[in-house]
């Protein structure tokens, strides 16, 4: 699928970018694999891990449209992973969040169209569904931009889709490494925001697989939502430090008690497949009348019940304490 393709990853030095790069180099023979990010130190560190001749290292920011356009020359596939992702930081630095997550998304789209990039997948978040945080709202705006970009493509080959999933186990700045740090430093308790809090749970390799499958499945305009388990925050604390007391500190600015990936208001647009949902675009594209019930792999999906909500709090599957430990151990390898 990606043999002899030129691939660019924005935010490529992040947790996802490193995992995606490793998988691509192990499975495929890309013509070029471009890591695009603004952090020269992270690029230097990542270069120590990946020295394949196909690798290219571009310093740049998604806020800079000219640099993006230059970086995407002769690129076939773009994975847009760059974002400001810390909920609290976005609440306190709203203008910076908008510049990266919304204007940056617009710049990626325009650069891809200018260079006739074949496929673009944007990484989203469960926080974009019925958002209450600025981070979630900015990602919802970005999702809308990427869906609507299919109308802007005109006669070009460019197609744009979105992948939305939940908390990535062990990613930088997430709760698992934070709890590990507290435990290692001899903390006398673990801080819990709320005893009833739940989150969707996915490992980095699983996230990479979802993106690769979405590249195979996409027609353009879909939001792909994988079916993944949920975790109770109290079970996570028990799995990581069973003898350590918990202290409830309250929900932080912009946080929800439970996350949603398919909201009720989109249920009339939502199709269910064996291992994922697809949220169809609410707008009609001028160049084609897509049948999203059958994807490019020939897989078939059907409509969900009106009012269906895919929520971490009412999910059909929750990880047990032992399963959580197993997931956490996978992040150490």
C-alpha atoms as a PDB file:
ATOM      1  CA  UNK A   1       0.000   0.000   0.000  1.00  0.00           C
ATOM      2  CA  UNK A   2       2.769   2.466   0.889  1.00  0.00           C
ATOM      3  CA  UNK A   3       5.611   0.971  -1.136  1.00  0.00           C
ATOM      4  CA  UNK A   4       7.324   3.610  -3.297  1.00  0.00           C
ATOM      5  CA  UNK A   5       5.154   6.339  -1.754  1.00  0.00           C
ATOM      6  CA  UNK A   6       6.368   9.623  -0.304  1.00  0.00           C
ATOM      7  CA  UNK A   7       4.855  10.064   3.160  1.00  0.00           C
ATOM      8  CA  UNK A   8       4.927  13.126   5.410  1.00  0.00           C
ATOM      9  CA  UNK A   9       4.010  13.192   9.107  1.00  0.00           C
ATOM     10  CA  UNK A  10       3.341  16.554  10.727  1.00  0.00           C
ATOM     11  CA  UNK A  11       4.250  16.542  14.397  1.00  0.00           C
ATOM     12  CA  UNK A  12       6.378  13.577  13.425  1.00  0.00           C
ATOM     13  CA  UNK A  13       8.587  13.622  16.520  1.00  0.00           C
ATOM     14  CA  UNK A  14       5.662  12.989  18.868  1.00  0.00           C
ATOM     15  CA  UNK A  15       4.709   9.629  20.355  1.00  0.00           C
ATOM     16  CA  UNK A  16       2.510   8.716  17.401  1.00  0.00           C
ATOM     17  CA  UNK A  17       5.041   9.893  14.825  1.00  0.00           C
ATOM     18  CA  UNK A  18       7.801   7.692  16.239  1.00  0.00           C
ATOM     19  CA  UNK A  19       5.529   4.624  16.389  1.00  0.00           C
ATOM     20  CA  UNK A  20       4.192   5.273  12.882  1.00  0.00           C
ATOM     21  CA  UNK A  21       7.707   5.709  11.493  1.00  0.00           C
ATOM     22  CA  UNK A  22       8.868   2.433  13.046  1.00  0.00           C
ATOM     23  CA  UNK A  23       5.902   0.542  11.597  1.00  0.00           C
ATOM     24  CA  UNK A  24       6.280   2.004   8.100  1.00  0.00           C
ATOM     25  CA  UNK A  25       9.987   1.164   7.925  1.00  0.00           C
ATOM     26  CA  UNK A  26       9.342  -2.386   9.150  1.00  0.00           C
ATOM     27  CA  UNK A  27       6.491  -3.172   6.736  1.00  0.00           C
ATOM     28  CA  UNK A  28       6.933  -1.037   3.644  1.00  0.00           C
ATOM     29  CA  UNK A  29       9.511   0.404   1.287  1.00  0.00           C
ATOM     30  CA  UNK A  30       8.528   4.066   1.024  1.00  0.00           C
ATOM     31  CA  UNK A  31      10.332   6.303  -1.427  1.00  0.00           C
ATOM     32  CA  UNK A  32      10.581   8.976   1.265  1.00  0.00           C
ATOM     33  CA  UNK A  33       9.386   9.238   4.858  1.00  0.00           C
ATOM     34  CA  UNK A  34       9.411  12.867   5.966  1.00  0.00           C
ATOM     35  CA  UNK A  35       9.309  13.848   9.634  1.00  0.00           C
ATOM     36  CA  UNK A  36       8.012  17.418   9.830  1.00  0.00           C
ATOM     37  CA  UNK A  37       8.205  19.110  13.237  1.00  0.00           C
ATOM     38  CA  UNK A  38       9.379  22.281  14.884  1.00  0.00           C
ATOM     39  CA  UNK A  39      11.623  20.752  17.598  1.00  0.00           C
ATOM     40  CA  UNK A  40      15.224  20.284  16.468  1.00  0.00           C
ATOM     41  CA  UNK A  41      16.215  18.429  19.658  1.00  0.00           C
ATOM     42  CA  UNK A  42      13.460  15.848  19.246  1.00  0.00           C
ATOM     43  CA  UNK A  43      14.447  15.415  15.618  1.00  0.00           C
ATOM     44  CA  UNK A  44      18.077  14.870  16.637  1.00  0.00           C
ATOM     45  CA  UNK A  45      17.023  12.282  19.223  1.00  0.00           C
ATOM     46  CA  UNK A  46      14.712  10.534  16.765  1.00  0.00           C
ATOM     47  CA  UNK A  47      17.490  10.406  14.152  1.00  0.00           C
ATOM     48  CA  UNK A  48      19.463   8.198  16.534  1.00  0.00           C
ATOM     49  CA  UNK A  49      16.682   5.592  16.266  1.00  0.00           C
ATOM     50  CA  UNK A  50      15.885   5.824  12.553  1.00  0.00           C
ATOM     51  CA  UNK A  51      18.703   6.039  10.030  1.00  0.00           C
ATOM     52  CA  UNK A  52      17.048   4.471   6.951  1.00  0.00           C
ATOM     53  CA  UNK A  53      18.039   6.148   3.672  1.00  0.00           C
ATOM     54  CA  UNK A  54      14.392   7.028   2.976  1.00  0.00           C
ATOM     55  CA  UNK A  55      14.190   9.273   6.052  1.00  0.00           C
ATOM     56  CA  UNK A  56      13.989  13.044   5.626  1.00  0.00           C
ATOM     57  CA  UNK A  57      13.979  15.566   8.474  1.00  0.00           C
ATOM     58  CA  UNK A  58      12.225  18.889   7.951  1.00  0.00           C
ATOM     59  CA  UNK A  59      12.192  21.601  10.609  1.00  0.00           C
ATOM     60  CA  UNK A  60       8.949  23.487  10.256  1.00  0.00           C
ATOM     61  CA  UNK A  61       5.726  24.579  11.925  1.00  0.00           C
ATOM     62  CA  UNK A  62       2.192  23.950  10.668  1.00  0.00           C
ATOM     63  CA  UNK A  63       1.586  27.631  11.343  1.00  0.00           C
ATOM     64  CA  UNK A  64       3.915  28.395   8.399  1.00  0.00           C
ATOM     65  CA  UNK A  65       2.032  27.758   5.132  1.00  0.00           C
ATOM     66  CA  UNK A  66       5.022  28.413   2.865  1.00  0.00           C
ATOM     67  CA  UNK A  67       7.171  25.831   4.664  1.00  0.00           C
ATOM     68  CA  UNK A  68       4.364  23.261   4.535  1.00  0.00           C
ATOM     69  CA  UNK A  69       3.890  23.800   0.820  1.00  0.00           C
ATOM     70  CA  UNK A  70       7.611  23.315   0.256  1.00  0.00           C
ATOM     71  CA  UNK A  71       7.724  20.188   2.428  1.00  0.00           C
ATOM     72  CA  UNK A  72       4.801  18.530   0.591  1.00  0.00           C
ATOM     73  CA  UNK A  73       6.277  18.683  -2.891  1.00  0.00           C
ATOM     74  CA  UNK A  74       5.886  15.287  -4.583  1.00  0.00           C
ATOM     75  CA  UNK A  75       4.304  13.832  -1.407  1.00  0.00           C
ATOM     76  CA  UNK A  76       1.605  11.170  -1.829  1.00  0.00           C
ATOM     77  CA  UNK A  77       0.343  10.671   1.754  1.00  0.00           C
ATOM     78  CA  UNK A  78       0.136  13.088   4.678  1.00  0.00           C
ATOM     79  CA  UNK A  79      -0.583  12.085   8.267  1.00  0.00           C
ATOM     80  CA  UNK A  80      -1.437  15.216  10.229  1.00  0.00           C
ATOM     81  CA  UNK A  81      -0.513  14.571  13.859  1.00  0.00           C
ATOM     82  CA  UNK A  82       0.722  18.037  14.892  1.00  0.00           C
ATOM     83  CA  UNK A  83      -1.388  19.701  17.576  1.00  0.00           C
ATOM     84  CA  UNK A  84      -1.338  21.450  20.916  1.00  0.00           C
ATOM     85  CA  UNK A  85      -2.922  18.657  22.965  1.00  0.00           C
ATOM     86  CA  UNK A  86      -2.763  19.579  26.652  1.00  0.00           C
ATOM     87  CA  UNK A  87      -6.285  20.506  27.742  1.00  0.00           C
ATOM     88  CA  UNK A  88      -5.184  22.819  30.545  1.00  0.00           C
ATOM     89  CA  UNK A  89      -2.525  24.551  28.457  1.00  0.00           C
ATOM     90  CA  UNK A  90      -5.095  25.272  25.764  1.00  0.00           C
ATOM     91  CA  UNK A  91      -7.480  26.800  28.316  1.00  0.00           C
ATOM     92  CA  UNK A  92      -4.774  29.193  29.501  1.00  0.00           C
ATOM     93  CA  UNK A  93      -3.237  29.840  26.069  1.00  0.00           C
ATOM     94  CA  UNK A  94      -6.287  29.914  23.798  1.00  0.00           C
ATOM     95  CA  UNK A  95      -4.828  31.960  20.960  1.00  0.00           C
ATOM     96  CA  UNK A  96      -1.827  29.638  20.636  1.00  0.00           C
ATOM     97  CA  UNK A  97      -4.160  26.634  20.547  1.00  0.00           C
ATOM     98  CA  UNK A  98      -6.204  28.174  17.725  1.00  0.00           C
ATOM     99  CA  UNK A  99      -3.093  29.083  15.713  1.00  0.00           C
ATOM    100  CA  UNK A 100      -1.810  25.507  15.727  1.00  0.00           C
ATOM    101  CA  UNK A 101      -4.945  23.376  15.794  1.00  0.00           C
ATOM    102  CA  UNK A 102      -7.231  25.404  13.516  1.00  0.00           C
ATOM    103  CA  UNK A 103      -5.041  27.636  11.352  1.00  0.00           C
ATOM    104  CA  UNK A 104      -2.447  24.863  11.187  1.00  0.00           C
ATOM    105  CA  UNK A 105      -5.097  22.459   9.882  1.00  0.00           C
ATOM    106  CA  UNK A 106      -6.082  24.998   7.216  1.00  0.00           C
ATOM    107  CA  UNK A 107      -2.438  25.348   6.178  1.00  0.00           C
ATOM    108  CA  UNK A 108      -2.010  21.561   5.894  1.00  0.00           C
ATOM    109  CA  UNK A 109      -5.112  21.345   3.687  1.00  0.00           C
ATOM    110  CA  UNK A 110      -4.048  24.160   1.365  1.00  0.00           C
ATOM    111  CA  UNK A 111      -0.496  22.797   1.029  1.00  0.00           C
ATOM    112  CA  UNK A 112      -1.866  19.311   0.260  1.00  0.00           C
ATOM    113  CA  UNK A 113      -4.206  20.706  -2.408  1.00  0.00           C
ATOM    114  CA  UNK A 114      -1.459  22.815  -3.933  1.00  0.00           C
ATOM    115  CA  UNK A 115       0.771  19.729  -4.236  1.00  0.00           C
ATOM    116  CA  UNK A 116      -2.004  17.319  -5.295  1.00  0.00           C
ATOM    117  CA  UNK A 117      -1.334  15.008  -2.324  1.00  0.00           C
ATOM    118  CA  UNK A 118      -3.319  11.824  -2.818  1.00  0.00           C
ATOM    119  CA  UNK A 119      -4.413  10.960   0.743  1.00  0.00           C
ATOM    120  CA  UNK A 120      -4.533  13.030   3.920  1.00  0.00           C
ATOM    121  CA  UNK A 121      -5.510  11.593   7.302  1.00  0.00           C
ATOM    122  CA  UNK A 122      -5.891  13.974  10.233  1.00  0.00           C
ATOM    123  CA  UNK A 123      -5.653  12.628  13.762  1.00  0.00           C
ATOM    124  CA  UNK A 124      -8.467  13.805  16.000  1.00  0.00           C
ATOM    125  CA  UNK A 125      -9.568  13.092  19.562  1.00  0.00           C
ATOM    126  CA  UNK A 126     -12.617  12.006  21.513  1.00  0.00           C
ATOM    127  CA  UNK A 127     -12.558  15.484  23.041  1.00  0.00           C
ATOM    128  CA  UNK A 128     -13.768  16.853  19.677  1.00  0.00           C
ATOM    129  CA  UNK A 129     -17.199  15.234  20.166  1.00  0.00           C
ATOM    130  CA  UNK A 130     -19.556  17.589  22.065  1.00  0.00           C
ATOM    131  CA  UNK A 131     -16.503  19.579  23.228  1.00  0.00           C
ATOM    132  CA  UNK A 132     -16.360  21.563  26.440  1.00  0.00           C
ATOM    133  CA  UNK A 133     -12.631  22.360  26.276  1.00  0.00           C
ATOM    134  CA  UNK A 134     -10.948  24.703  23.828  1.00  0.00           C
ATOM    135  CA  UNK A 135      -8.696  21.846  22.776  1.00  0.00           C
ATOM    136  CA  UNK A 136     -11.741  19.749  21.899  1.00  0.00           C
ATOM    137  CA  UNK A 137     -13.452  22.681  20.162  1.00  0.00           C
ATOM    138  CA  UNK A 138     -10.326  23.437  18.132  1.00  0.00           C
ATOM    139  CA  UNK A 139     -10.072  19.801  17.051  1.00  0.00           C
ATOM    140  CA  UNK A 140     -13.766  19.765  16.122  1.00  0.00           C
ATOM    141  CA  UNK A 141     -13.121  22.825  13.947  1.00  0.00           C
ATOM    142  CA  UNK A 142     -10.131  21.025  12.403  1.00  0.00           C
ATOM    143  CA  UNK A 143     -12.268  17.923  11.748  1.00  0.00           C
ATOM    144  CA  UNK A 144     -14.814  20.086   9.933  1.00  0.00           C
ATOM    145  CA  UNK A 145     -12.044  21.670   7.866  1.00  0.00           C
ATOM    146  CA  UNK A 146     -10.640  18.315   6.768  1.00  0.00           C
ATOM    147  CA  UNK A 147     -14.072  16.951   5.858  1.00  0.00           C
ATOM    148  CA  UNK A 148     -14.967  20.066   3.854  1.00  0.00           C
ATOM    149  CA  UNK A 149     -11.563  20.018   2.129  1.00  0.00           C
ATOM    150  CA  UNK A 150     -12.935  17.257  -0.119  1.00  0.00           C
ATOM    151  CA  UNK A 151     -15.180  19.873  -1.711  1.00  0.00           C
ATOM    152  CA  UNK A 152     -12.194  22.143  -2.286  1.00  0.00           C
ATOM    153  CA  UNK A 153     -10.291  19.401  -4.128  1.00  0.00           C
ATOM    154  CA  UNK A 154     -12.230  19.882  -7.345  1.00  0.00           C
ATOM    155  CA  UNK A 155     -10.575  17.822 -10.074  1.00  0.00           C
ATOM    156  CA  UNK A 156      -7.518  17.045  -7.959  1.00  0.00           C
ATOM    157  CA  UNK A 157      -6.893  13.536  -6.645  1.00  0.00           C
ATOM    158  CA  UNK A 158      -6.618  14.749  -3.037  1.00  0.00           C
ATOM    159  CA  UNK A 159      -8.905  13.102  -0.483  1.00  0.00           C
ATOM    160  CA  UNK A 160      -9.142  13.952   3.198  1.00  0.00           C
ATOM    161  CA  UNK A 161     -10.402  11.881   6.141  1.00  0.00           C
ATOM    162  CA  UNK A 162     -10.207  11.974   9.937  1.00  0.00           C
ATOM    163  CA  UNK A 163      -9.362   9.334  12.541  1.00  0.00           C
ATOM    164  CA  UNK A 164     -10.774   9.931  16.027  1.00  0.00           C
ATOM    165  CA  UNK A 165      -9.722   7.907  19.061  1.00  0.00           C
ATOM    166  CA  UNK A 166      -9.188   8.187  22.815  1.00  0.00           C
ATOM    167  CA  UNK A 167      -6.353   8.283  25.342  1.00  0.00           C
ATOM    168  CA  UNK A 168      -3.124   6.768  24.053  1.00  0.00           C
ATOM    169  CA  UNK A 169      -1.533   4.638  26.768  1.00  0.00           C
ATOM    170  CA  UNK A 170       1.885   5.929  27.761  1.00  0.00           C
ATOM    171  CA  UNK A 171       2.046   8.858  25.339  1.00  0.00           C
ATOM    172  CA  UNK A 172       3.978  11.909  26.480  1.00  0.00           C
ATOM    173  CA  UNK A 173       2.028  14.031  28.942  1.00  0.00           C
ATOM    174  CA  UNK A 174      -0.617  11.368  29.602  1.00  0.00           C
ATOM    175  CA  UNK A 175      -1.710   9.886  32.925  1.00  0.00           C
ATOM    176  CA  UNK A 176       0.276   6.615  32.883  1.00  0.00           C
ATOM    177  CA  UNK A 177       3.770   8.194  32.761  1.00  0.00           C
ATOM    178  CA  UNK A 178       2.562  10.813  35.255  1.00  0.00           C
ATOM    179  CA  UNK A 179       1.459   8.135  37.737  1.00  0.00           C
ATOM    180  CA  UNK A 180       4.720   6.238  37.128  1.00  0.00           C
ATOM    181  CA  UNK A 181       6.714   9.335  37.973  1.00  0.00           C
ATOM    182  CA  UNK A 182       4.765   9.881  41.195  1.00  0.00           C
ATOM    183  CA  UNK A 183       5.163   6.246  42.232  1.00  0.00           C
ATOM    184  CA  UNK A 184       8.903   6.262  41.476  1.00  0.00           C
ATOM    185  CA  UNK A 185       9.394   9.440  43.514  1.00  0.00           C
ATOM    186  CA  UNK A 186       7.766   7.855  46.583  1.00  0.00           C
ATOM    187  CA  UNK A 187       4.454   9.737  46.552  1.00  0.00           C
ATOM    188  CA  UNK A 188       2.154   8.906  49.476  1.00  0.00           C
ATOM    189  CA  UNK A 189      -0.992   9.016  47.304  1.00  0.00           C
ATOM    190  CA  UNK A 190      -2.213   9.178  43.693  1.00  0.00           C
ATOM    191  CA  UNK A 191      -4.319  12.210  42.694  1.00  0.00           C
ATOM    192  CA  UNK A 192      -7.672  11.249  41.136  1.00  0.00           C
ATOM    193  CA  UNK A 193      -9.777  13.910  39.463  1.00  0.00           C
ATOM    194  CA  UNK A 194     -13.066  12.051  40.076  1.00  0.00           C
ATOM    195  CA  UNK A 195     -13.869   8.562  41.339  1.00  0.00           C
ATOM    196  CA  UNK A 196     -16.309   7.905  38.475  1.00  0.00           C
ATOM    197  CA  UNK A 197     -14.112   9.201  35.635  1.00  0.00           C
ATOM    198  CA  UNK A 198     -13.648   6.945  32.573  1.00  0.00           C
ATOM    199  CA  UNK A 199     -11.583   7.180  29.408  1.00  0.00           C
ATOM    200  CA  UNK A 200     -11.280   5.356  26.093  1.00  0.00           C
ATOM    201  CA  UNK A 201      -8.007   3.396  26.010  1.00  0.00           C
ATOM    202  CA  UNK A 202      -5.741   2.553  23.066  1.00  0.00           C
ATOM    203  CA  UNK A 203      -2.049   1.690  22.691  1.00  0.00           C
ATOM    204  CA  UNK A 204       0.259   3.441  20.245  1.00  0.00           C
ATOM    205  CA  UNK A 205       0.606   0.342  18.000  1.00  0.00           C
ATOM    206  CA  UNK A 206      -3.194   0.040  17.920  1.00  0.00           C
ATOM    207  CA  UNK A 207      -3.471   3.720  16.972  1.00  0.00           C
ATOM    208  CA  UNK A 208      -1.014   3.200  14.125  1.00  0.00           C
ATOM    209  CA  UNK A 209      -3.033   0.194  12.906  1.00  0.00           C
ATOM    210  CA  UNK A 210      -6.231   2.251  12.937  1.00  0.00           C
ATOM    211  CA  UNK A 211      -4.588   4.915  10.770  1.00  0.00           C
ATOM    212  CA  UNK A 212      -3.163   2.363   8.321  1.00  0.00           C
ATOM    213  CA  UNK A 213      -6.543   0.621   8.011  1.00  0.00           C
ATOM    214  CA  UNK A 214      -8.239   3.980   7.495  1.00  0.00           C
ATOM    215  CA  UNK A 215      -5.845   4.743   4.624  1.00  0.00           C
ATOM    216  CA  UNK A 216      -6.983   1.493   3.014  1.00  0.00           C
ATOM    217  CA  UNK A 217     -10.663   2.143   3.698  1.00  0.00           C
ATOM    218  CA  UNK A 218     -11.048   5.876   3.053  1.00  0.00           C
ATOM    219  CA  UNK A 219     -13.025   7.430   0.228  1.00  0.00           C
ATOM    220  CA  UNK A 220     -12.731  10.962   1.600  1.00  0.00           C
ATOM    221  CA  UNK A 221     -14.889  12.834   4.091  1.00  0.00           C
ATOM    222  CA  UNK A 222     -15.279  10.112   6.721  1.00  0.00           C
ATOM    223  CA  UNK A 223     -14.500  10.331  10.414  1.00  0.00           C
ATOM    224  CA  UNK A 224     -13.255   6.882  11.433  1.00  0.00           C
ATOM    225  CA  UNK A 225     -13.907   5.850  15.044  1.00  0.00           C
ATOM    226  CA  UNK A 226     -12.407   2.537  16.224  1.00  0.00           C
ATOM    227  CA  UNK A 227     -14.198   0.335  18.736  1.00  0.00           C
ATOM    228  CA  UNK A 228     -11.845   0.341  21.721  1.00  0.00           C
ATOM    229  CA  UNK A 229     -12.230  -0.447  25.445  1.00  0.00           C
ATOM    230  CA  UNK A 230     -12.723   1.948  28.334  1.00  0.00           C
ATOM    231  CA  UNK A 231     -10.842   2.292  31.607  1.00  0.00           C
ATOM    232  CA  UNK A 232     -12.068   3.506  34.999  1.00  0.00           C
ATOM    233  CA  UNK A 233      -9.517   5.889  36.495  1.00  0.00           C
ATOM    234  CA  UNK A 234      -9.810   4.152  39.882  1.00  0.00           C
ATOM    235  CA  UNK A 235      -8.977   0.821  38.214  1.00  0.00           C
ATOM    236  CA  UNK A 236      -5.946   2.424  36.593  1.00  0.00           C
ATOM    237  CA  UNK A 237      -4.736   3.622  39.986  1.00  0.00           C
ATOM    238  CA  UNK A 238      -5.294   0.169  41.473  1.00  0.00           C
ATOM    239  CA  UNK A 239      -3.426  -1.494  38.605  1.00  0.00           C
ATOM    240  CA  UNK A 240      -0.413   0.785  38.970  1.00  0.00           C
ATOM    241  CA  UNK A 241      -0.204   1.112  42.753  1.00  0.00           C
ATOM    242  CA  UNK A 242      -2.622  -1.232  44.557  1.00  0.00           C
ATOM    243  CA  UNK A 243      -1.444  -0.273  48.035  1.00  0.00           C
ATOM    244  CA  UNK A 244      -1.281   3.479  47.520  1.00  0.00           C
ATOM    245  CA  UNK A 245      -4.152   5.679  48.770  1.00  0.00           C
ATOM    246  CA  UNK A 246      -6.069   7.871  46.313  1.00  0.00           C
ATOM    247  CA  UNK A 247      -6.945  11.508  46.832  1.00  0.00           C
ATOM    248  CA  UNK A 248      -9.722  13.179  44.827  1.00  0.00           C
ATOM    249  CA  UNK A 249      -8.570  16.575  43.550  1.00  0.00           C
ATOM    250  CA  UNK A 250     -11.537  17.550  41.352  1.00  0.00           C
ATOM    251  CA  UNK A 251     -12.061  17.804  37.613  1.00  0.00           C
ATOM    252  CA  UNK A 252      -9.601  20.188  35.985  1.00  0.00           C
ATOM    253  CA  UNK A 253     -10.499  23.028  33.578  1.00  0.00           C
ATOM    254  CA  UNK A 254     -11.860  21.684  30.294  1.00  0.00           C
ATOM    255  CA  UNK A 255     -12.125  18.045  31.465  1.00  0.00           C
ATOM    256  CA  UNK A 256     -15.157  15.773  31.189  1.00  0.00           C
ATOM    257  CA  UNK A 257     -16.255  12.970  33.492  1.00  0.00           C
ATOM    258  CA  UNK A 258     -16.693  10.652  30.469  1.00  0.00           C
ATOM    259  CA  UNK A 259     -15.545  11.049  26.876  1.00  0.00           C
ATOM    260  CA  UNK A 260     -17.663  10.617  23.734  1.00  0.00           C
ATOM    261  CA  UNK A 261     -16.550   9.583  20.258  1.00  0.00           C
ATOM    262  CA  UNK A 262     -19.910   9.304  18.464  1.00  0.00           C
ATOM    263  CA  UNK A 263     -22.408  11.863  19.799  1.00  0.00           C
ATOM    264  CA  UNK A 264     -26.175  11.401  19.678  1.00  0.00           C
ATOM    265  CA  UNK A 265     -26.570  14.415  17.396  1.00  0.00           C
ATOM    266  CA  UNK A 266     -24.509  12.595  14.758  1.00  0.00           C
ATOM    267  CA  UNK A 267     -26.326   9.264  15.078  1.00  0.00           C
ATOM    268  CA  UNK A 268     -28.217   9.834  11.813  1.00  0.00           C
ATOM    269  CA  UNK A 269     -24.817  10.098  10.090  1.00  0.00           C
ATOM    270  CA  UNK A 270     -23.143   7.177  11.888  1.00  0.00           C
ATOM    271  CA  UNK A 271     -22.540   3.760  10.347  1.00  0.00           C
ATOM    272  CA  UNK A 272     -21.409   0.728  12.329  1.00  0.00           C
ATOM    273  CA  UNK A 273     -18.865  -1.748  10.943  1.00  0.00           C
ATOM    274  CA  UNK A 274     -17.427  -4.830  12.653  1.00  0.00           C
ATOM    275  CA  UNK A 275     -14.538  -3.054  14.386  1.00  0.00           C
ATOM    276  CA  UNK A 276     -15.260   0.629  13.897  1.00  0.00           C
ATOM    277  CA  UNK A 277     -17.817   3.351  13.273  1.00  0.00           C
ATOM    278  CA  UNK A 278     -17.858   5.854  10.421  1.00  0.00           C
ATOM    279  CA  UNK A 279     -19.405   9.296  10.820  1.00  0.00           C
ATOM    280  CA  UNK A 280     -20.456  10.439   7.373  1.00  0.00           C
ATOM    281  CA  UNK A 281     -20.113  14.095   6.366  1.00  0.00           C
ATOM    282  CA  UNK A 282     -23.142  16.257   6.988  1.00  0.00           C
ATOM    283  CA  UNK A 283     -22.508  18.123   3.725  1.00  0.00           C
ATOM    284  CA  UNK A 284     -22.801  16.770   0.193  1.00  0.00           C
ATOM    285  CA  UNK A 285     -19.737  16.854  -2.010  1.00  0.00           C
ATOM    286  CA  UNK A 286     -20.102  18.385  -5.446  1.00  0.00           C
ATOM    287  CA  UNK A 287     -17.735  15.973  -7.210  1.00  0.00           C
ATOM    288  CA  UNK A 288     -19.299  12.695  -6.047  1.00  0.00           C
ATOM    289  CA  UNK A 289     -22.215  11.064  -4.265  1.00  0.00           C
ATOM    290  CA  UNK A 290     -20.394   8.712  -1.891  1.00  0.00           C
ATOM    291  CA  UNK A 291     -21.842   5.482  -0.536  1.00  0.00           C
ATOM    292  CA  UNK A 292     -20.043   5.260   2.792  1.00  0.00           C
ATOM    293  CA  UNK A 293     -21.843   2.043   3.751  1.00  0.00           C
ATOM    294  CA  UNK A 294     -19.273   0.179   1.613  1.00  0.00           C
ATOM    295  CA  UNK A 295     -15.620   1.162   1.975  1.00  0.00           C
ATOM    296  CA  UNK A 296     -12.715   0.645  -0.431  1.00  0.00           C
ATOM    297  CA  UNK A 297     -11.999  -2.766   1.109  1.00  0.00           C
ATOM    298  CA  UNK A 298     -15.554  -3.903   0.375  1.00  0.00           C
ATOM    299  CA  UNK A 299     -16.524  -3.944   4.069  1.00  0.00           C
ATOM    300  CA  UNK A 300     -20.162  -3.117   4.742  1.00  0.00           C
ATOM    301  CA  UNK A 301     -21.674  -1.088   7.535  1.00  0.00           C
ATOM    302  CA  UNK A 302     -25.181  -0.212   8.583  1.00  0.00           C
ATOM    303  CA  UNK A 303     -26.954   2.650  10.323  1.00  0.00           C
ATOM    304  CA  UNK A 304     -26.988   2.833  14.117  1.00  0.00           C
ATOM    305  CA  UNK A 305     -30.048   3.452  16.256  1.00  0.00           C
ATOM    306  CA  UNK A 306     -31.205   7.036  16.464  1.00  0.00           C
ATOM    307  CA  UNK A 307     -29.725   8.718  19.507  1.00  0.00           C
ATOM    308  CA  UNK A 308     -26.826   6.281  19.855  1.00  0.00           C
ATOM    309  CA  UNK A 309     -23.969   7.646  21.949  1.00  0.00           C
ATOM    310  CA  UNK A 310     -20.581   5.932  21.929  1.00  0.00           C
ATOM    311  CA  UNK A 311     -19.323   6.980  25.367  1.00  0.00           C
ATOM    312  CA  UNK A 312     -16.462   5.813  27.565  1.00  0.00           C
ATOM    313  CA  UNK A 313     -18.922   5.676  30.472  1.00  0.00           C
ATOM    314  CA  UNK A 314     -21.402   3.297  28.813  1.00  0.00           C
ATOM    315  CA  UNK A 315     -18.973   1.359  26.630  1.00  0.00           C
ATOM    316  CA  UNK A 316     -19.668  -2.329  26.111  1.00  0.00           C
ATOM    317  CA  UNK A 317     -16.159  -3.258  27.209  1.00  0.00           C
ATOM    318  CA  UNK A 318     -14.083  -2.093  30.187  1.00  0.00           C
ATOM    319  CA  UNK A 319     -10.556  -3.321  30.829  1.00  0.00           C
ATOM    320  CA  UNK A 320     -10.021  -5.270  34.048  1.00  0.00           C
ATOM    321  CA  UNK A 321      -7.226  -4.330  36.444  1.00  0.00           C
ATOM    322  CA  UNK A 322      -5.090  -7.164  35.070  1.00  0.00           C
ATOM    323  CA  UNK A 323      -5.745  -6.070  31.477  1.00  0.00           C
ATOM    324  CA  UNK A 324      -4.776  -2.509  32.373  1.00  0.00           C
ATOM    325  CA  UNK A 325      -1.478  -3.799  33.764  1.00  0.00           C
ATOM    326  CA  UNK A 326      -0.891  -5.680  30.517  1.00  0.00           C
ATOM    327  CA  UNK A 327      -1.593  -2.581  28.422  1.00  0.00           C
ATOM    328  CA  UNK A 328       0.759  -0.541  30.614  1.00  0.00           C
ATOM    329  CA  UNK A 329       3.534  -3.102  30.250  1.00  0.00           C
ATOM    330  CA  UNK A 330       3.239  -2.855  26.480  1.00  0.00           C
ATOM    331  CA  UNK A 331       4.267   0.814  26.743  1.00  0.00           C
ATOM    332  CA  UNK A 332       7.576  -0.140  28.370  1.00  0.00           C
ATOM    333  CA  UNK A 333       8.793  -2.224  25.423  1.00  0.00           C
END
